[in-house]
Structures are given as structure tokens and as C-alpha cells.
Amino acid sequence: MGQAQGILMAATEIDAEATFASLQRLSQHHNLKPRDVAEHLLTTRTLPEAR
């Protein structure tokens, strides 16, 4: 999660708390575990797309 937050922080210039909240929202929206959203971001450098 920390590395994924770092990627988002660098890309969006928002703080750690806001990036964590964004990852949580994405995980709920896509029905994925937060670690799966983070792993997707780390491997693809993109956020999950809508299903």
C-alpha cells in the first residue's frame, strides 16, 4: 500500500491520507481488496478501470 500511495502522491500531488482514502474508495467501487488495487497500480502504473 505504501508504494502505491507514493505513486499516487507523486502523480496527483495529494497527501498520504488522501491517497489512502482514494485507494479505499477504488477498492470498494471495484469490489477489490485494497491490496489488489495497490498491486494493480504497482504493476501497471494505472488505476483499475470500471467493470
C-alpha atoms as a PDB file:
ATOM      1  CA  MET A   1       0.000   0.000   0.000  1.00  0.00           C
ATOM      2  CA  GLY A   2       2.815   2.391   0.837  1.00  0.00           C
ATOM      3  CA  GLN A   3       4.406   2.169  -2.602  1.00  0.00           C
ATOM      4  CA  ALA A   4       1.027   2.616  -4.295  1.00  0.00           C
ATOM      5  CA  GLN A   5       0.388   5.669  -2.143  1.00  0.00           C
ATOM      6  CA  GLY A   6       3.761   7.060  -3.171  1.00  0.00           C
ATOM      7  CA  ILE A   7       2.931   6.640  -6.853  1.00  0.00           C
ATOM      8  CA  LEU A   8      -0.398   8.423  -6.390  1.00  0.00           C
ATOM      9  CA  MET A   9       1.180  11.164  -4.294  1.00  0.00           C
ATOM     10  CA  ALA A  10       3.769  11.845  -6.988  1.00  0.00           C
ATOM     11  CA  ALA A  11       1.218  11.775  -9.795  1.00  0.00           C
ATOM     12  CA  THR A  12      -1.500  13.840  -8.125  1.00  0.00           C
ATOM     13  CA  GLU A  13       0.335  15.930  -5.534  1.00  0.00           C
ATOM     14  CA  ILE A  14      -2.088  14.947  -2.746  1.00  0.00           C
ATOM     15  CA  ASP A  15      -1.071  13.839   0.740  1.00  0.00           C
ATOM     16  CA  ALA A  16      -0.793  10.313   2.144  1.00  0.00           C
ATOM     17  CA  GLU A  17      -4.155  10.458   3.920  1.00  0.00           C
ATOM     18  CA  ALA A  18      -5.973  11.467   0.733  1.00  0.00           C
ATOM     19  CA  THR A  19      -4.227   8.802  -1.360  1.00  0.00           C
ATOM     20  CA  PHE A  20      -5.147   6.128   1.187  1.00  0.00           C
ATOM     21  CA  ALA A  21      -8.776   7.271   1.072  1.00  0.00           C
ATOM     22  CA  SER A  22      -8.677   7.165  -2.738  1.00  0.00           C
ATOM     23  CA  LEU A  23      -7.341   3.597  -2.720  1.00  0.00           C
ATOM     24  CA  GLN A  24     -10.082   2.598  -0.277  1.00  0.00           C
ATOM     25  CA  ARG A  25     -12.796   4.167  -2.454  1.00  0.00           C
ATOM     26  CA  LEU A  26     -11.428   2.426  -5.539  1.00  0.00           C
ATOM     27  CA  SER A  27     -11.354  -0.911  -3.759  1.00  0.00           C
ATOM     28  CA  GLN A  28     -14.991  -0.515  -2.702  1.00  0.00           C
ATOM     29  CA  HIS A  29     -16.097   0.721  -6.119  1.00  0.00           C
ATOM     30  CA  HIS A  30     -14.420  -2.183  -7.933  1.00  0.00           C
ATOM     31  CA  ASN A  31     -15.194  -4.747  -5.218  1.00  0.00           C
ATOM     32  CA  LEU A  32     -11.479  -5.493  -4.805  1.00  0.00           C
ATOM     33  CA  LYS A  33      -9.310  -5.761  -1.736  1.00  0.00           C
ATOM     34  CA  PRO A  34      -7.217  -2.627  -1.161  1.00  0.00           C
ATOM     35  CA  ARG A  35      -4.018  -4.648  -1.627  1.00  0.00           C
ATOM     36  CA  ASP A  36      -5.295  -5.787  -5.059  1.00  0.00           C
ATOM     37  CA  VAL A  37      -5.871  -2.183  -6.106  1.00  0.00           C
ATOM     38  CA  ALA A  38      -2.376  -1.317  -4.865  1.00  0.00           C
ATOM     39  CA  GLU A  39      -0.851  -4.300  -6.687  1.00  0.00           C
ATOM     40  CA  HIS A  40      -2.618  -3.311  -9.910  1.00  0.00           C
ATOM     41  CA  LEU A  41      -1.256   0.234  -9.564  1.00  0.00           C
ATOM     42  CA  LEU A  42       2.265  -1.049  -8.897  1.00  0.00           C
ATOM     43  CA  THR A  43       2.341  -3.452 -11.825  1.00  0.00           C
ATOM     44  CA  THR A  44       0.534  -1.373 -14.457  1.00  0.00           C
ATOM     45  CA  ARG A  45       1.038   2.185 -13.177  1.00  0.00           C
ATOM     46  CA  THR A  46      -2.694   2.681 -13.837  1.00  0.00           C
ATOM     47  CA  LEU A  47      -5.792   2.536 -11.682  1.00  0.00           C
ATOM     48  CA  PRO A  48      -8.372  -0.208 -12.181  1.00  0.00           C
ATOM     49  CA  GLU A  49     -10.952   0.628 -14.817  1.00  0.00           C
ATOM     50  CA  ALA A  50     -14.705   0.390 -14.383  1.00  0.00           C
ATOM     51  CA  ARG A  51     -16.131  -3.045 -14.983  1.00  0.00           C
END
